[in-house]
PDB file of all heavy atoms in Angstrom:
ATOM      1  N   GLY A   1     147.471-130.770  97.454  1.00  0.00           N
ATOM      2  CA  GLY A   1     146.864-131.011  96.038  1.00  0.00           C
ATOM      3  C   GLY A   1     145.581-131.311  95.965  1.00  0.00           C
ATOM      4  O   GLY A   1     144.674-130.394  96.577  1.00  0.00           O
ATOM      5  N   ARG A   2     145.072-132.332  95.351  1.00  0.00           N
ATOM      6  CA  ARG A   2     143.615-132.614  95.187  1.00  0.00           C
ATOM      7  C   ARG A   2     142.866-133.009  96.474  1.00  0.00           C
ATOM      8  O   ARG A   2     141.700-133.139  96.359  1.00  0.00           O
ATOM      9  CB  ARG A   2     143.396-133.596  94.016  1.00  0.00           C
ATOM     10  CG  ARG A   2     143.866-134.816  94.357  1.00  0.00           C
ATOM     11  CD  ARG A   2     143.616-135.792  93.008  1.00  0.00           C
ATOM     12  NE  ARG A   2     143.825-137.144  93.557  1.00  0.00           N
ATOM     13  CZ  ARG A   2     143.255-138.137  93.036  1.00  0.00           C
ATOM     14  NH1 ARG A   2     142.305-137.929  92.173  1.00  0.00           N
ATOM     15  NH2 ARG A   2     143.413-139.412  93.398  1.00  0.00           N
ATOM     16  N   TYR A   3     143.701-133.243  97.526  1.00  0.00           N
ATOM     17  CA  TYR A   3     143.041-133.722  98.776  1.00  0.00           C
ATOM     18  C   TYR A   3     142.935-132.513  99.700  1.00  0.00           C
ATOM     19  O   TYR A   3     142.814-132.651 100.958  1.00  0.00           O
ATOM     20  CB  TYR A   3     143.875-134.779  99.344  1.00  0.00           C
ATOM     21  CG  TYR A   3     144.036-136.016  98.551  1.00  0.00           C
ATOM     22  CD1 TYR A   3     145.180-136.429  97.761  1.00  0.00           C
ATOM     23  CD2 TYR A   3     142.854-136.936  98.495  1.00  0.00           C
ATOM     24  CE1 TYR A   3     145.211-137.426  97.061  1.00  0.00           C
ATOM     25  CE2 TYR A   3     142.962-137.907  97.503  1.00  0.00           C
ATOM     26  CZ  TYR A   3     144.174-138.293  96.851  1.00  0.00           C
ATOM     27  OH  TYR A   3     144.089-139.361  96.019  1.00  0.00           O
ATOM     28  N   ASP A   4     143.031-131.329  99.249  1.00  0.00           N
ATOM     29  CA  ASP A   4     143.098-130.130 100.067  1.00  0.00           C
ATOM     30  C   ASP A   4     141.684-129.968 100.973  1.00  0.00           C
ATOM     31  O   ASP A   4     141.925-129.713 102.130  1.00  0.00           O
ATOM     32  CB  ASP A   4     143.243-128.721  99.315  1.00  0.00           C
ATOM     33  CG  ASP A   4     142.333-128.634  98.201  1.00  0.00           C
ATOM     34  OD1 ASP A   4     141.564-129.446  97.859  1.00  0.00           O
ATOM     35  OD2 ASP A   4     142.392-127.425  97.580  1.00  0.00           O
ATOM     36  N   ILE A   5     140.626-130.215 100.433  1.00  0.00           N
ATOM     37  CA  ILE A   5     139.359-130.157 101.301  1.00  0.00           C
ATOM     38  C   ILE A   5     139.233-131.197 102.198  1.00  0.00           C
ATOM     39  O   ILE A   5     138.952-130.892 103.330  1.00  0.00           O
ATOM     40  CB  ILE A   5     138.107-130.189 100.167  1.00  0.00           C
ATOM     41  CG1 ILE A   5     138.148-129.017  99.283  1.00  0.00           C
ATOM     42  CG2 ILE A   5     136.816-130.208 101.018  1.00  0.00           C
ATOM     43  CD1 ILE A   5     137.053-129.052  98.263  1.00  0.00           C
ATOM     44  N   LEU A   6     139.703-132.401 101.820  1.00  0.00           N
ATOM     45  CA  LEU A   6     139.857-133.520 102.860  1.00  0.00           C
ATOM     46  C   LEU A   6     140.760-133.150 104.030  1.00  0.00           C
ATOM     47  O   LEU A   6     140.608-133.368 105.240  1.00  0.00           O
ATOM     48  CB  LEU A   6     140.192-134.840 102.213  1.00  0.00           C
ATOM     49  CG  LEU A   6     140.430-135.938 103.106  1.00  0.00           C
ATOM     50  CD1 LEU A   6     139.086-136.414 103.816  1.00  0.00           C
ATOM     51  CD2 LEU A   6     141.029-137.111 102.355  1.00  0.00           C
ATOM     52  N   ALA A   7     141.816-132.532 103.669  1.00  0.00           N
ATOM     53  CA  ALA A   7     142.771-132.203 104.614  1.00  0.00           C
ATOM     54  C   ALA A   7     142.295-131.041 105.614  1.00  0.00           C
ATOM     55  O   ALA A   7     142.461-131.161 106.743  1.00  0.00           O
ATOM     56  CB  ALA A   7     144.202-131.710 104.045  1.00  0.00           C
ATOM     57  N   VAL A   8     141.629-130.071 105.073  1.00  0.00           N
ATOM     58  CA  VAL A   8     141.074-128.874 105.814  1.00  0.00           C
ATOM     59  C   VAL A   8     139.991-129.624 106.857  1.00  0.00           C
ATOM     60  O   VAL A   8     139.999-129.413 108.119  1.00  0.00           O
ATOM     61  CB  VAL A   8     140.441-127.920 104.946  1.00  0.00           C
ATOM     62  CG1 VAL A   8     139.544-126.946 105.763  1.00  0.00           C
ATOM     63  CG2 VAL A   8     141.588-127.068 104.329  1.00  0.00           C
ATOM     64  N   GLY A   9     139.073-130.441 106.260  1.00  0.00           N
ATOM     65  CA  GLY A   9     138.152-131.162 107.040  1.00  0.00           C
ATOM     66  C   GLY A   9     138.741-131.961 108.186  1.00  0.00           C
ATOM     67  O   GLY A   9     138.214-131.889 109.352  1.00  0.00           O
ATOM     68  N   SER A  10     139.806-132.748 107.902  1.00  0.00           N
ATOM     69  CA  SER A  10     140.393-133.541 108.880  1.00  0.00           C
ATOM     70  C   SER A  10     141.146-132.715 109.940  1.00  0.00           C
ATOM     71  O   SER A  10     141.138-133.171 111.081  1.00  0.00           O
ATOM     72  CB  SER A  10     141.427-134.395 108.154  1.00  0.00           C
ATOM     73  OG  SER A  10     140.778-135.219 107.238  1.00  0.00           O
ATOM     74  N   LEU A  11     141.768-131.677 109.551  1.00  0.00           N
ATOM     75  CA  LEU A  11     142.466-130.899 110.571  1.00  0.00           C
ATOM     76  C   LEU A  11     141.523-130.033 111.432  1.00  0.00           C
ATOM     77  O   LEU A  11     141.719-130.084 112.695  1.00  0.00           O
ATOM     78  CB  LEU A  11     143.374-129.790 109.790  1.00  0.00           C
ATOM     79  CG  LEU A  11     144.592-130.449 109.187  1.00  0.00           C
ATOM     80  CD1 LEU A  11     145.421-129.477 108.429  1.00  0.00           C
ATOM     81  CD2 LEU A  11     145.513-131.080 110.274  1.00  0.00           C
ATOM     82  N   TYR A  12     140.332-129.748 110.847  1.00  0.00           N
ATOM     83  CA  TYR A  12     139.237-129.155 111.764  1.00  0.00           C
ATOM     84  C   TYR A  12     138.702-130.172 112.741  1.00  0.00           C
ATOM     85  O   TYR A  12     138.544-129.897 113.828  1.00  0.00           O
ATOM     86  CB  TYR A  12     138.035-128.539 110.870  1.00  0.00           C
ATOM     87  CG  TYR A  12     138.336-127.188 110.265  1.00  0.00           C
ATOM     88  CD1 TYR A  12     137.521-126.841 109.177  1.00  0.00           C
ATOM     89  CD2 TYR A  12     139.223-126.367 110.588  1.00  0.00           C
ATOM     90  CE1 TYR A  12     137.694-125.661 108.500  1.00  0.00           C
ATOM     91  CE2 TYR A  12     139.447-125.084 110.125  1.00  0.00           C
ATOM     92  CZ  TYR A  12     138.650-124.704 109.006  1.00  0.00           C
ATOM     93  OH  TYR A  12     138.854-123.548 108.434  1.00  0.00           O
ATOM     94  N   GLY A  13     138.460-131.296 112.267  1.00  0.00           N
ATOM     95  CA  GLY A  13     138.019-132.460 113.052  1.00  0.00           C
ATOM     96  C   GLY A  13     138.896-132.794 114.140  1.00  0.00           C
ATOM     97  O   GLY A  13     138.631-132.902 115.283  1.00  0.00           O
ATOM     98  N   LEU A  14     140.295-132.833 113.864  1.00  0.00           N
ATOM     99  CA  LEU A  14     141.307-133.183 114.886  1.00  0.00           C
ATOM    100  C   LEU A  14     141.264-132.067 115.906  1.00  0.00           C
ATOM    101  O   LEU A  14     141.356-132.260 117.026  1.00  0.00           O
ATOM    102  CB  LEU A  14     142.711-133.257 114.083  1.00  0.00           C
ATOM    103  CG  LEU A  14     143.901-133.450 115.224  1.00  0.00           C
ATOM    104  CD1 LEU A  14     143.727-134.750 115.904  1.00  0.00           C
ATOM    105  CD2 LEU A  14     145.112-133.308 114.353  1.00  0.00           C
ATOM    106  N   ALA A  15     141.108-130.785 115.486  1.00  0.00           N
ATOM    107  CA  ALA A  15     141.222-129.564 116.373  1.00  0.00           C
ATOM    108  C   ALA A  15     140.033-129.629 117.404  1.00  0.00           C
ATOM    109  O   ALA A  15     140.023-129.495 118.656  1.00  0.00           O
ATOM    110  CB  ALA A  15     141.151-128.284 115.689  1.00  0.00           C
ATOM    111  N   LEU A  16     138.887-130.025 116.796  1.00  0.00           N
ATOM    112  CA  LEU A  16     137.710-130.211 117.680  1.00  0.00           C
ATOM    113  C   LEU A  16     137.743-131.418 118.653  1.00  0.00           C
ATOM    114  O   LEU A  16     137.442-131.358 119.852  1.00  0.00           O
ATOM    115  CB  LEU A  16     136.424-130.436 116.765  1.00  0.00           C
ATOM    116  CG  LEU A  16     135.874-129.300 115.943  1.00  0.00           C
ATOM    117  CD1 LEU A  16     134.950-129.604 114.969  1.00  0.00           C
ATOM    118  CD2 LEU A  16     135.341-128.202 116.910  1.00  0.00           C
ATOM    119  N   VAL A  17     138.226-132.553 118.274  1.00  0.00           N
ATOM    120  CA  VAL A  17     138.483-133.633 119.235  1.00  0.00           C
ATOM    121  C   VAL A  17     139.490-133.265 120.211  1.00  0.00           C
ATOM    122  O   VAL A  17     139.281-133.481 121.454  1.00  0.00           O
ATOM    123  CB  VAL A  17     138.996-134.904 118.339  1.00  0.00           C
ATOM    124  CG1 VAL A  17     139.511-135.973 119.365  1.00  0.00           C
ATOM    125  CG2 VAL A  17     137.939-135.463 117.474  1.00  0.00           C
ATOM    126  N   LEU A  18     140.663-132.699 119.952  1.00  0.00           N
ATOM    127  CA  LEU A  18     141.563-132.369 120.797  1.00  0.00           C
ATOM    128  C   LEU A  18     140.977-131.250 121.846  1.00  0.00           C
ATOM    129  O   LEU A  18     141.189-131.339 123.036  1.00  0.00           O
ATOM    130  CB  LEU A  18     142.841-131.750 120.255  1.00  0.00           C
ATOM    131  CG  LEU A  18     143.582-132.709 119.513  1.00  0.00           C
ATOM    132  CD1 LEU A  18     144.752-132.020 118.765  1.00  0.00           C
ATOM    133  CD2 LEU A  18     144.157-133.796 120.416  1.00  0.00           C
ATOM    134  N   LEU A  19     140.145-130.309 121.416  1.00  0.00           N
ATOM    135  CA  LEU A  19     139.445-129.375 122.390  1.00  0.00           C
ATOM    136  C   LEU A  19     138.436-130.056 123.199  1.00  0.00           C
ATOM    137  O   LEU A  19     138.360-129.654 124.380  1.00  0.00           O
ATOM    138  CB  LEU A  19     138.789-128.176 121.450  1.00  0.00           C
ATOM    139  CG  LEU A  19     139.749-127.168 120.847  1.00  0.00           C
ATOM    140  CD1 LEU A  19     139.049-126.374 119.802  1.00  0.00           C
ATOM    141  CD2 LEU A  19     140.257-126.300 121.951  1.00  0.00           C
ATOM    142  N   PHE A  20     137.745-130.994 122.665  1.00  0.00           N
ATOM    143  CA  PHE A  20     136.759-131.716 123.395  1.00  0.00           C
ATOM    144  C   PHE A  20     137.526-132.469 124.542  1.00  0.00           C
ATOM    145  O   PHE A  20     137.142-132.533 125.715  1.00  0.00           O
ATOM    146  CB  PHE A  20     136.019-132.726 122.656  1.00  0.00           C
ATOM    147  CG  PHE A  20     135.132-133.537 123.313  1.00  0.00           C
ATOM    148  CD1 PHE A  20     133.807-133.040 123.793  1.00  0.00           C
ATOM    149  CD2 PHE A  20     135.284-134.829 123.704  1.00  0.00           C
ATOM    150  CE1 PHE A  20     132.847-133.819 124.443  1.00  0.00           C
ATOM    151  CE2 PHE A  20     134.498-135.575 124.428  1.00  0.00           C
ATOM    152  CZ  PHE A  20     133.187-134.990 124.780  1.00  0.00           C
ATOM    153  N   ILE A  21     138.658-133.268 124.236  1.00  0.00           N
ATOM    154  CA  ILE A  21     139.375-133.963 125.213  1.00  0.00           C
ATOM    155  C   ILE A  21     139.951-133.016 126.312  1.00  0.00           C
ATOM    156  O   ILE A  21     139.890-133.349 127.471  1.00  0.00           O
ATOM    157  CB  ILE A  21     140.529-134.795 124.402  1.00  0.00           C
ATOM    158  CG1 ILE A  21     139.930-135.939 123.721  1.00  0.00           C
ATOM    159  CG2 ILE A  21     141.544-135.312 125.543  1.00  0.00           C
ATOM    160  CD1 ILE A  21     140.895-136.606 122.874  1.00  0.00           C
ATOM    161  N   THR A  22     140.391-131.899 125.924  1.00  0.00           N
ATOM    162  CA  THR A  22     140.901-130.805 126.819  1.00  0.00           C
ATOM    163  C   THR A  22     139.692-130.362 127.751  1.00  0.00           C
ATOM    164  O   THR A  22     139.961-130.345 128.975  1.00  0.00           O
ATOM    165  CB  THR A  22     141.521-129.615 126.186  1.00  0.00           C
ATOM    166  OG1 THR A  22     142.498-130.094 125.304  1.00  0.00           O
ATOM    167  CG2 THR A  22     142.016-128.621 127.114  1.00  0.00           C
ATOM    168  N   GLY A  23     138.653-130.166 127.167  1.00  0.00           N
ATOM    169  CA  GLY A  23     137.496-129.662 128.087  1.00  0.00           C
ATOM    170  C   GLY A  23     137.054-130.729 129.059  1.00  0.00           C
ATOM    171  O   GLY A  23     136.827-130.390 130.190  1.00  0.00           O
ATOM    172  N   VAL A  24     137.103-132.013 128.659  1.00  0.00           N
ATOM    173  CA  VAL A  24     136.724-133.075 129.529  1.00  0.00           C
ATOM    174  C   VAL A  24     137.741-133.389 130.619  1.00  0.00           C
ATOM    175  O   VAL A  24     137.464-133.423 131.821  1.00  0.00           O
ATOM    176  CB  VAL A  24     136.606-134.474 128.751  1.00  0.00           C
ATOM    177  CG1 VAL A  24     136.488-135.567 129.682  1.00  0.00           C
ATOM    178  CG2 VAL A  24     135.310-134.329 127.946  1.00  0.00           C
ATOM    179  N   SER A  25     139.073-133.194 130.235  1.00  0.00           N
ATOM    180  CA  SER A  25     140.079-133.368 131.152  1.00  0.00           C
ATOM    181  C   SER A  25     140.221-132.215 132.278  1.00  0.00           C
ATOM    182  O   SER A  25     140.633-132.362 133.344  1.00  0.00           O
ATOM    183  CB  SER A  25     141.437-133.658 130.557  1.00  0.00           C
ATOM    184  OG  SER A  25     141.817-132.438 129.951  1.00  0.00           O
ATOM    185  N   LEU A  26     139.738-131.133 131.859  1.00  0.00           N
ATOM    186  CA  LEU A  26     139.719-129.965 132.763  1.00  0.00           C
ATOM    187  C   LEU A  26     138.446-129.674 133.468  1.00  0.00           C
ATOM    188  O   LEU A  26     138.271-128.620 134.167  1.00  0.00           O
ATOM    189  CB  LEU A  26     140.178-128.590 131.951  1.00  0.00           C
ATOM    190  CG  LEU A  26     141.651-128.683 131.370  1.00  0.00           C
ATOM    191  CD1 LEU A  26     141.860-127.410 130.553  1.00  0.00           C
ATOM    192  CD2 LEU A  26     142.648-128.736 132.568  1.00  0.00           C
TER     193      LEU A  26
END
């Protein structure tokens, strides 16, 4: 709904954090 931009930004942020953690762990 009206939180769609917040959701997109949050999901992008989550993806970046998970990719960073993966990079560090590997």
